[in-house]
Amino acid sequence: MVVDKETTDAMIETFLKQLLHREDVAIVLISQNIAERVRSTIVDHTAIMPTILEMPSKDSPYDPEKDTIVVRAAAILWGADSGPEKLRELQGK
């Protein structure tokens, strides 16, 4: 799906949900700025496959604190309470 200024959040969410229910899809690549528009759907997706990978776009910098997979990994590694803090520390914030 190519998202442009006329693409609504509902259209993105509907397409993403269709992809997440397909058995022939293993990875969904999505720009992080578009992922922000459908964040609740991404957070609600807990299955291992398909995996949703957020990528930086040429227009927006990548923020690991918004990436669902990175946040979940940080919570596993450093605990739910200290994971976000550790991410900021690693970024030098």
PDB file of N, CA and C in Angstrom:
ATOM      1  N   MET A   1       0.847  -1.171   0.000  1.00  0.00           N
ATOM      2  CA  MET A   1       0.000   0.000   0.000  1.00  0.00           C
ATOM      3  C   MET A   1       0.890   1.231   0.000  1.00  0.00           C
ATOM      4  N   VAL A   2       0.597   2.153  -0.868  1.00  0.00           N
ATOM      5  CA  VAL A   2       1.301   3.427  -0.893  1.00  0.00           C
ATOM      6  C   VAL A   2       0.401   4.446  -0.217  1.00  0.00           C
ATOM      7  N   VAL A   3       0.932   5.077   0.829  1.00  0.00           N
ATOM      8  CA  VAL A   3       0.163   6.061   1.586  1.00  0.00           C
ATOM      9  C   VAL A   3       0.537   7.455   1.109  1.00  0.00           C
ATOM     10  N   ASP A   4      -0.482   8.250   0.803  1.00  0.00           N
ATOM     11  CA  ASP A   4      -0.247   9.645   0.437  1.00  0.00           C
ATOM     12  C   ASP A   4      -1.136  10.535   1.296  1.00  0.00           C
ATOM     13  N   LYS A   5      -1.165  11.811   0.982  1.00  0.00           N
ATOM     14  CA  LYS A   5      -1.902  12.760   1.819  1.00  0.00           C
ATOM     15  C   LYS A   5      -3.408  12.514   1.824  1.00  0.00           C
ATOM     16  N   GLU A   6      -3.909  11.777   0.858  1.00  0.00           N
ATOM     17  CA  GLU A   6      -5.339  11.493   0.795  1.00  0.00           C
ATOM     18  C   GLU A   6      -5.721  10.165   1.462  1.00  0.00           C
ATOM     19  N   THR A   7      -4.740   9.414   1.915  1.00  0.00           N
ATOM     20  CA  THR A   7      -5.000   8.130   2.560  1.00  0.00           C
ATOM     21  C   THR A   7      -5.429   8.374   4.000  1.00  0.00           C
ATOM     22  N   THR A   8      -6.571   7.842   4.369  1.00  0.00           N
ATOM     23  CA  THR A   8      -7.075   8.041   5.734  1.00  0.00           C
ATOM     24  C   THR A   8      -6.498   6.989   6.679  1.00  0.00           C
ATOM     25  N   ASP A   9      -6.561   7.302   7.957  1.00  0.00           N
ATOM     26  CA  ASP A   9      -6.118   6.340   8.962  1.00  0.00           C
ATOM     27  C   ASP A   9      -6.942   5.058   8.882  1.00  0.00           C
ATOM     28  N   ALA A  10      -8.217   5.193   8.619  1.00  0.00           N
ATOM     29  CA  ALA A  10      -9.103   4.023   8.513  1.00  0.00           C
ATOM     30  C   ALA A  10      -8.676   3.121   7.356  1.00  0.00           C
ATOM     31  N   MET A  11      -8.258   3.715   6.246  1.00  0.00           N
ATOM     32  CA  MET A  11      -7.804   2.926   5.098  1.00  0.00           C
ATOM     33  C   MET A  11      -6.527   2.162   5.451  1.00  0.00           C
ATOM     34  N   ILE A  12      -5.611   2.829   6.141  1.00  0.00           N
ATOM     35  CA  ILE A  12      -4.361   2.186   6.552  1.00  0.00           C
ATOM     36  C   ILE A  12      -4.661   1.046   7.516  1.00  0.00           C
ATOM     37  N   GLU A  13      -5.512   1.309   8.496  1.00  0.00           N
ATOM     38  CA  GLU A  13      -5.850   0.297   9.497  1.00  0.00           C
ATOM     39  C   GLU A  13      -6.517  -0.923   8.866  1.00  0.00           C
ATOM     40  N   THR A  14      -7.431  -0.699   7.950  1.00  0.00           N
ATOM     41  CA  THR A  14      -8.118  -1.804   7.273  1.00  0.00           C
ATOM     42  C   THR A  14      -7.122  -2.658   6.493  1.00  0.00           C
ATOM     43  N   PHE A  15      -6.225  -2.015   5.754  1.00  0.00           N
ATOM     44  CA  PHE A  15      -5.239  -2.760   4.973  1.00  0.00           C
ATOM     45  C   PHE A  15      -4.286  -3.524   5.885  1.00  0.00           C
ATOM     46  N   LEU A  16      -3.837  -2.883   6.964  1.00  0.00           N
ATOM     47  CA  LEU A  16      -2.932  -3.541   7.906  1.00  0.00           C
ATOM     48  C   LEU A  16      -3.593  -4.770   8.525  1.00  0.00           C
ATOM     49  N   LYS A  17      -4.834  -4.641   8.941  1.00  0.00           N
ATOM     50  CA  LYS A  17      -5.546  -5.782   9.531  1.00  0.00           C
ATOM     51  C   LYS A  17      -5.685  -6.922   8.528  1.00  0.00           C
ATOM     52  N   GLN A  18      -5.917  -6.593   7.248  1.00  0.00           N
ATOM     53  CA  GLN A  18      -5.989  -7.629   6.221  1.00  0.00           C
ATOM     54  C   GLN A  18      -4.656  -8.374   6.116  1.00  0.00           C
ATOM     55  N   LEU A  19      -3.554  -7.624   6.138  1.00  0.00           N
ATOM     56  CA  LEU A  19      -2.235  -8.254   6.068  1.00  0.00           C
ATOM     57  C   LEU A  19      -1.975  -9.147   7.273  1.00  0.00           C
ATOM     58  N   LEU A  20      -2.389  -8.694   8.451  1.00  0.00           N
ATOM     59  CA  LEU A  20      -2.123  -9.438   9.673  1.00  0.00           C
ATOM     60  C   LEU A  20      -2.918 -10.742   9.760  1.00  0.00           C
ATOM     61  N   HIS A  21      -3.965 -10.861   8.961  1.00  0.00           N
ATOM     62  CA  HIS A  21      -4.767 -12.087   8.964  1.00  0.00           C
ATOM     63  C   HIS A  21      -4.397 -13.051   7.837  1.00  0.00           C
ATOM     64  N   ARG A  22      -3.458 -12.661   7.008  1.00  0.00           N
ATOM     65  CA  ARG A  22      -3.046 -13.537   5.908  1.00  0.00           C
ATOM     66  C   ARG A  22      -2.000 -14.528   6.391  1.00  0.00           C
ATOM     67  N   GLU A  23      -2.127 -15.764   5.974  1.00  0.00           N
ATOM     68  CA  GLU A  23      -1.175 -16.808   6.366  1.00  0.00           C
ATOM     69  C   GLU A  23       0.076 -16.811   5.493  1.00  0.00           C
ATOM     70  N   ASP A  24       0.037 -16.112   4.371  1.00  0.00           N
ATOM     71  CA  ASP A  24       1.199 -16.084   3.483  1.00  0.00           C
ATOM     72  C   ASP A  24       2.065 -14.837   3.676  1.00  0.00           C
ATOM     73  N   VAL A  25       1.824 -14.094   4.738  1.00  0.00           N
ATOM     74  CA  VAL A  25       2.616 -12.904   5.046  1.00  0.00           C
ATOM     75  C   VAL A  25       3.372 -13.156   6.346  1.00  0.00           C
ATOM     76  N   ALA A  26       4.690 -12.979   6.304  1.00  0.00           N
ATOM     77  CA  ALA A  26       5.511 -13.202   7.494  1.00  0.00           C
ATOM     78  C   ALA A  26       5.994 -11.892   8.110  1.00  0.00           C
ATOM     79  N   ILE A  27       6.231 -10.881   7.277  1.00  0.00           N
ATOM     80  CA  ILE A  27       6.744  -9.601   7.755  1.00  0.00           C
ATOM     81  C   ILE A  27       5.966  -8.479   7.097  1.00  0.00           C
ATOM     82  N   VAL A  28       5.574  -7.512   7.896  1.00  0.00           N
ATOM     83  CA  VAL A  28       4.937  -6.306   7.388  1.00  0.00           C
ATOM     84  C   VAL A  28       5.903  -5.156   7.663  1.00  0.00           C
ATOM     85  N   LEU A  29       6.332  -4.476   6.610  1.00  0.00           N
ATOM     86  CA  LEU A  29       7.206  -3.315   6.744  1.00  0.00           C
ATOM     87  C   LEU A  29       6.347  -2.064   6.678  1.00  0.00           C
ATOM     88  N   ILE A  30       6.548  -1.174   7.644  1.00  0.00           N
ATOM     89  CA  ILE A  30       5.753   0.044   7.700  1.00  0.00           C
ATOM     90  C   ILE A  30       6.643   1.188   8.162  1.00  0.00           C
ATOM     91  N   SER A  31       6.504   2.318   7.524  1.00  0.00           N
ATOM     92  CA  SER A  31       7.249   3.503   7.958  1.00  0.00           C
ATOM     93  C   SER A  31       6.753   3.929   9.326  1.00  0.00           C
ATOM     94  N   GLN A  32       7.681   4.352  10.173  1.00  0.00           N
ATOM     95  CA  GLN A  32       7.300   4.680  11.539  1.00  0.00           C
ATOM     96  C   GLN A  32       6.276   5.817  11.594  1.00  0.00           C
ATOM     97  N   ASN A  33       6.397   6.803  10.707  1.00  0.00           N
ATOM     98  CA  ASN A  33       5.428   7.893  10.735  1.00  0.00           C
ATOM     99  C   ASN A  33       4.024   7.415  10.362  1.00  0.00           C
ATOM    100  N   ILE A  34       3.920   6.403   9.519  1.00  0.00           N
ATOM    101  CA  ILE A  34       2.606   5.816   9.185  1.00  0.00           C
ATOM    102  C   ILE A  34       2.155   4.911  10.324  1.00  0.00           C
ATOM    103  N   ALA A  35       3.086   4.199  10.930  1.00  0.00           N
ATOM    104  CA  ALA A  35       2.752   3.329  12.068  1.00  0.00           C
ATOM    105  C   ALA A  35       2.131   4.139  13.205  1.00  0.00           C
ATOM    106  N   GLU A  36       2.582   5.364  13.380  1.00  0.00           N
ATOM    107  CA  GLU A  36       2.020   6.219  14.432  1.00  0.00           C
ATOM    108  C   GLU A  36       0.526   6.457  14.221  1.00  0.00           C
ATOM    109  N   ARG A  37       0.106   6.443  12.991  1.00  0.00           N
ATOM    110  CA  ARG A  37      -1.302   6.695  12.675  1.00  0.00           C
ATOM    111  C   ARG A  37      -2.202   5.505  13.019  1.00  0.00           C
ATOM    112  N   VAL A  38      -1.612   4.313  13.118  1.00  0.00           N
ATOM    113  CA  VAL A  38      -2.385   3.104  13.434  1.00  0.00           C
ATOM    114  C   VAL A  38      -1.748   2.379  14.629  1.00  0.00           C
ATOM    115  N   ARG A  39      -1.176   3.139  15.535  1.00  0.00           N
ATOM    116  CA  ARG A  39      -0.426   2.579  16.663  1.00  0.00           C
ATOM    117  C   ARG A  39      -1.250   1.581  17.468  1.00  0.00           C
ATOM    118  N   SER A  40      -2.516   1.852  17.710  1.00  0.00           N
ATOM    119  CA  SER A  40      -3.320   0.939  18.535  1.00  0.00           C
ATOM    120  C   SER A  40      -3.429  -0.443  17.893  1.00  0.00           C
ATOM    121  N   THR A  41      -3.555  -0.508  16.591  1.00  0.00           N
ATOM    122  CA  THR A  41      -3.610  -1.795  15.899  1.00  0.00           C
ATOM    123  C   THR A  41      -2.288  -2.530  16.032  1.00  0.00           C
ATOM    124  N   ILE A  42      -1.195  -1.814  15.943  1.00  0.00           N
ATOM    125  CA  ILE A  42       0.131  -2.426  16.064  1.00  0.00           C
ATOM    126  C   ILE A  42       0.351  -2.933  17.483  1.00  0.00           C
ATOM    127  N   VAL A  43      -0.020  -2.150  18.466  1.00  0.00           N
ATOM    128  CA  VAL A  43       0.146  -2.555  19.867  1.00  0.00           C
ATOM    129  C   VAL A  43      -0.725  -3.769  20.187  1.00  0.00           C
ATOM    130  N   ASP A  44      -1.911  -3.815  19.633  1.00  0.00           N
ATOM    131  CA  ASP A  44      -2.827  -4.935  19.879  1.00  0.00           C
ATOM    132  C   ASP A  44      -2.374  -6.234  19.216  1.00  0.00           C
ATOM    133  N   HIS A  45      -1.506  -6.136  18.208  1.00  0.00           N
ATOM    134  CA  HIS A  45      -1.027  -7.336  17.502  1.00  0.00           C
ATOM    135  C   HIS A  45       0.066  -7.994  18.340  1.00  0.00           C
ATOM    136  N   THR A  46      -0.225  -9.149  18.898  1.00  0.00           N
ATOM    137  CA  THR A  46       0.730  -9.831  19.776  1.00  0.00           C
ATOM    138  C   THR A  46       1.291 -11.121  19.178  1.00  0.00           C
ATOM    139  N   ALA A  47       0.783 -11.531  18.034  1.00  0.00           N
ATOM    140  CA  ALA A  47       1.278 -12.744  17.394  1.00  0.00           C
ATOM    141  C   ALA A  47       2.709 -12.532  16.896  1.00  0.00           C
ATOM    142  N   ILE A  48       3.460 -13.604  16.857  1.00  0.00           N
ATOM    143  CA  ILE A  48       4.835 -13.517  16.378  1.00  0.00           C
ATOM    144  C   ILE A  48       4.865 -13.287  14.868  1.00  0.00           C
ATOM    145  N   MET A  49       3.960 -13.967  14.169  1.00  0.00           N
ATOM    146  CA  MET A  49       3.888 -13.794  12.720  1.00  0.00           C
ATOM    147  C   MET A  49       2.482 -13.409  12.317  1.00  0.00           C
ATOM    148  N   PRO A  50       2.344 -12.488  11.424  1.00  0.00           N
ATOM    149  CA  PRO A  50       3.423 -11.722  10.836  1.00  0.00           C
ATOM    150  C   PRO A  50       4.012 -10.703  11.826  1.00  0.00           C
ATOM    151  N   THR A  51       5.288 -10.464  11.669  1.00  0.00           N
ATOM    152  CA  THR A  51       5.986  -9.484  12.476  1.00  0.00           C
ATOM    153  C   THR A  51       5.860  -8.129  11.805  1.00  0.00           C
ATOM    154  N   ILE A  52       5.632  -7.100  12.597  1.00  0.00           N
ATOM    155  CA  ILE A  52       5.542  -5.741  12.069  1.00  0.00           C
ATOM    156  C   ILE A  52       6.860  -5.037  12.364  1.00  0.00           C
ATOM    157  N   LEU A  53       7.560  -4.643  11.308  1.00  0.00           N
ATOM    158  CA  LEU A  53       8.825  -3.929  11.458  1.00  0.00           C
ATOM    159  C   LEU A  53       8.646  -2.483  11.029  1.00  0.00           C
ATOM    160  N   GLU A  54       8.985  -1.590  11.929  1.00  0.00           N
ATOM    161  CA  GLU A  54       8.886  -0.163  11.639  1.00  0.00           C
ATOM    162  C   GLU A  54      10.223   0.335  11.122  1.00  0.00           C
ATOM    163  N   MET A  55      10.164   1.126  10.069  1.00  0.00           N
ATOM    164  CA  MET A  55      11.370   1.646   9.433  1.00  0.00           C
ATOM    165  C   MET A  55      11.327   3.174   9.432  1.00  0.00           C
ATOM    166  N   PRO A  56      12.499   3.781   9.381  1.00  0.00           N
ATOM    167  CA  PRO A  56      12.495   5.240   9.228  1.00  0.00           C
ATOM    168  C   PRO A  56      12.039   5.596   7.815  1.00  0.00           C
ATOM    169  N   SER A  57      11.507   6.774   7.679  1.00  0.00           N
ATOM    170  CA  SER A  57      11.157   7.260   6.345  1.00  0.00           C
ATOM    171  C   SER A  57      12.115   8.399   6.000  1.00  0.00           C
ATOM    172  N   LYS A  58      12.138   8.772   4.751  1.00  0.00           N
ATOM    173  CA  LYS A  58      13.045   9.848   4.355  1.00  0.00           C
ATOM    174  C   LYS A  58      12.605  11.194   4.930  1.00  0.00           C
ATOM    175  N   ASP A  59      11.344  11.286   5.343  1.00  0.00           N
ATOM    176  CA  ASP A  59      10.815  12.546   5.861  1.00  0.00           C
ATOM    177  C   ASP A  59      10.820  12.644   7.381  1.00  0.00           C
ATOM    178  N   SER A  60      10.972  11.524   8.076  1.00  0.00           N
ATOM    179  CA  SER A  60      10.873  11.521   9.534  1.00  0.00           C
ATOM    180  C   SER A  60      11.995  10.689  10.130  1.00  0.00           C
ATOM    181  N   PRO A  61      12.638  11.192  11.172  1.00  0.00           N
ATOM    182  CA  PRO A  61      13.687  10.391  11.819  1.00  0.00           C
ATOM    183  C   PRO A  61      13.077   9.222  12.592  1.00  0.00           C
ATOM    184  N   TYR A  62      13.847   8.171  12.716  1.00  0.00           N
ATOM    185  CA  TYR A  62      13.416   6.987  13.460  1.00  0.00           C
ATOM    186  C   TYR A  62      13.546   7.260  14.952  1.00  0.00           C
ATOM    187  N   ASP A  63      12.534   6.859  15.719  1.00  0.00           N
ATOM    188  CA  ASP A  63      12.550   7.018  17.174  1.00  0.00           C
ATOM    189  C   ASP A  63      12.325   5.657  17.810  1.00  0.00           C
ATOM    190  N   PRO A  64      13.370   5.042  18.379  1.00  0.00           N
ATOM    191  CA  PRO A  64      13.214   3.706  18.959  1.00  0.00           C
ATOM    192  C   PRO A  64      12.206   3.652  20.104  1.00  0.00           C
ATOM    193  N   GLU A  65      11.940   4.773  20.756  1.00  0.00           N
ATOM    194  CA  GLU A  65      10.966   4.781  21.851  1.00  0.00           C
ATOM    195  C   GLU A  65       9.533   4.624  21.355  1.00  0.00           C
ATOM    196  N   LYS A  66       9.304   4.797  20.070  1.00  0.00           N
ATOM    197  CA  LYS A  66       7.972   4.614  19.487  1.00  0.00           C
ATOM    198  C   LYS A  66       7.819   3.259  18.810  1.00  0.00           C
ATOM    199  N   ASP A  67       8.919   2.549  18.617  1.00  0.00           N
ATOM    200  CA  ASP A  67       8.905   1.266  17.918  1.00  0.00           C
ATOM    201  C   ASP A  67       8.423   0.177  18.871  1.00  0.00           C
ATOM    202  N   THR A  68       7.310  -0.437  18.567  1.00  0.00           N
ATOM    203  CA  THR A  68       6.682  -1.429  19.433  1.00  0.00           C
ATOM    204  C   THR A  68       7.615  -2.595  19.743  1.00  0.00           C
ATOM    205  N   ILE A  69       8.330  -3.099  18.751  1.00  0.00           N
ATOM    206  CA  ILE A  69       9.227  -4.230  18.979  1.00  0.00           C
ATOM    207  C   ILE A  69      10.373  -3.833  19.899  1.00  0.00           C
ATOM    208  N   VAL A  70      10.953  -2.673  19.681  1.00  0.00           N
ATOM    209  CA  VAL A  70      12.062  -2.209  20.522  1.00  0.00           C
ATOM    210  C   VAL A  70      11.595  -1.987  21.951  1.00  0.00           C
ATOM    211  N   VAL A  71      10.425  -1.395  22.122  1.00  0.00           N
ATOM    212  CA  VAL A  71       9.882  -1.146  23.465  1.00  0.00           C
ATOM    213  C   VAL A  71       9.610  -2.470  24.178  1.00  0.00           C
ATOM    214  N   ARG A  72       9.044  -3.439  23.470  1.00  0.00           N
ATOM    215  CA  ARG A  72       8.791  -4.755  24.080  1.00  0.00           C
ATOM    216  C   ARG A  72      10.098  -5.444  24.458  1.00  0.00           C
ATOM    217  N   ALA A  73      11.098  -5.360  23.577  1.00  0.00           N
ATOM    218  CA  ALA A  73      12.398  -5.975  23.866  1.00  0.00           C
ATOM    219  C   ALA A  73      13.046  -5.316  25.074  1.00  0.00           C
ATOM    220  N   ALA A  74      12.963  -3.996  25.169  1.00  0.00           N
ATOM    221  CA  ALA A  74      13.532  -3.279  26.317  1.00  0.00           C
ATOM    222  C   ALA A  74      12.838  -3.688  27.604  1.00  0.00           C
ATOM    223  N   ALA A  75      11.535  -3.886  27.545  1.00  0.00           N
ATOM    224  CA  ALA A  75      10.795  -4.310  28.741  1.00  0.00           C
ATOM    225  C   ALA A  75      11.222  -5.712  29.172  1.00  0.00           C
ATOM    226  N   ILE A  76      11.488  -6.592  28.215  1.00  0.00           N
ATOM    227  CA  ILE A  76      11.944  -7.945  28.535  1.00  0.00           C
ATOM    228  C   ILE A  76      13.359  -7.904  29.109  1.00  0.00           C
ATOM    229  N   LEU A  77      14.224  -7.115  28.487  1.00  0.00           N
ATOM    230  CA  LEU A  77      15.617  -7.057  28.920  1.00  0.00           C
ATOM    231  C   LEU A  77      15.811  -6.343  30.259  1.00  0.00           C
ATOM    232  N   TRP A  78      15.147  -5.204  30.426  1.00  0.00           N
ATOM    233  CA  TRP A  78      15.406  -4.366  31.587  1.00  0.00           C
ATOM    234  C   TRP A  78      14.192  -4.152  32.486  1.00  0.00           C
ATOM    235  N   GLY A  79      13.086  -4.807  32.182  1.00  0.00           N
ATOM    236  CA  GLY A  79      11.881  -4.658  32.990  1.00  0.00           C
ATOM    237  C   GLY A  79      10.971  -3.583  32.430  1.00  0.00           C
ATOM    238  N   ALA A  80       9.691  -3.750  32.686  1.00  0.00           N
ATOM    239  CA  ALA A  80       8.694  -2.832  32.139  1.00  0.00           C
ATOM    240  C   ALA A  80       8.879  -1.408  32.643  1.00  0.00           C
ATOM    241  N   ASP A  81       9.332  -1.265  33.878  1.00  0.00           N
ATOM    242  CA  ASP A  81       9.494   0.074  34.442  1.00  0.00           C
ATOM    243  C   ASP A  81      10.775   0.763  33.980  1.00  0.00           C
ATOM    244  N   SER A  82      11.870   0.014  33.873  1.00  0.00           N
ATOM    245  CA  SER A  82      13.153   0.638  33.535  1.00  0.00           C
ATOM    246  C   SER A  82      13.523   0.537  32.056  1.00  0.00           C
ATOM    247  N   GLY A  83      12.777  -0.221  31.277  1.00  0.00           N
ATOM    248  CA  GLY A  83      13.067  -0.363  29.847  1.00  0.00           C
ATOM    249  C   GLY A  83      13.079   0.948  29.092  1.00  0.00           C
ATOM    250  N   PRO A  84      12.015   1.762  29.197  1.00  0.00           N
ATOM    251  CA  PRO A  84      12.013   3.049  28.488  1.00  0.00           C
ATOM    252  C   PRO A  84      13.156   3.969  28.932  1.00  0.00           C
ATOM    253  N   GLU A  85      13.451   3.940  30.226  1.00  0.00           N
ATOM    254  CA  GLU A  85      14.548   4.762  30.739  1.00  0.00           C
ATOM    255  C   GLU A  85      15.878   4.320  30.135  1.00  0.00           C
ATOM    256  N   LYS A  86      16.085   3.019  30.039  1.00  0.00           N
ATOM    257  CA  LYS A  86      17.315   2.478  29.468  1.00  0.00           C
ATOM    258  C   LYS A  86      17.432   2.839  27.985  1.00  0.00           C
ATOM    259  N   LEU A  87      16.316   2.823  27.259  1.00  0.00           N
ATOM    260  CA  LEU A  87      16.336   3.230  25.852  1.00  0.00           C
ATOM    261  C   LEU A  87      16.801   4.674  25.710  1.00  0.00           C
ATOM    262  N   ARG A  88      16.255   5.558  26.544  1.00  0.00           N
ATOM    263  CA  ARG A  88      16.658   6.972  26.498  1.00  0.00           C
ATOM    264  C   ARG A  88      18.138   7.114  26.833  1.00  0.00           C
ATOM    265  N   GLU A  89      18.594   6.347  27.803  1.00  0.00           N
ATOM    266  CA  GLU A  89      20.000   6.373  28.209  1.00  0.00           C
ATOM    267  C   GLU A  89      20.893   5.934  27.041  1.00  0.00           C
ATOM    268  N   LEU A  90      20.508   4.900  26.344  1.00  0.00           N
ATOM    269  CA  LEU A  90      21.296   4.403  25.217  1.00  0.00           C
ATOM    270  C   LEU A  90      21.344   5.406  24.058  1.00  0.00           C
ATOM    271  N   GLN A  91      20.316   6.227  23.967  1.00  0.00           N
ATOM    272  CA  GLN A  91      20.273   7.243  22.917  1.00  0.00           C
ATOM    273  C   GLN A  91      20.988   8.525  23.324  1.00  0.00           C
ATOM    274  N   GLY A  92      21.403   8.587  24.580  1.00  0.00           N
ATOM    275  CA  GLY A  92      22.086   9.785  25.064  1.00  0.00           C
ATOM    276  C   GLY A  92      21.146  10.916  25.410  1.00  0.00           C
ATOM    277  N   LYS A  93      19.902  10.585  25.708  1.00  0.00           N
ATOM    278  CA  LYS A  93      18.913  11.622  26.056  1.00  0.00           C
ATOM    279  C   LYS A  93      18.910  11.889  27.544  1.00  0.00           C
TER     280      LYS A  93
END
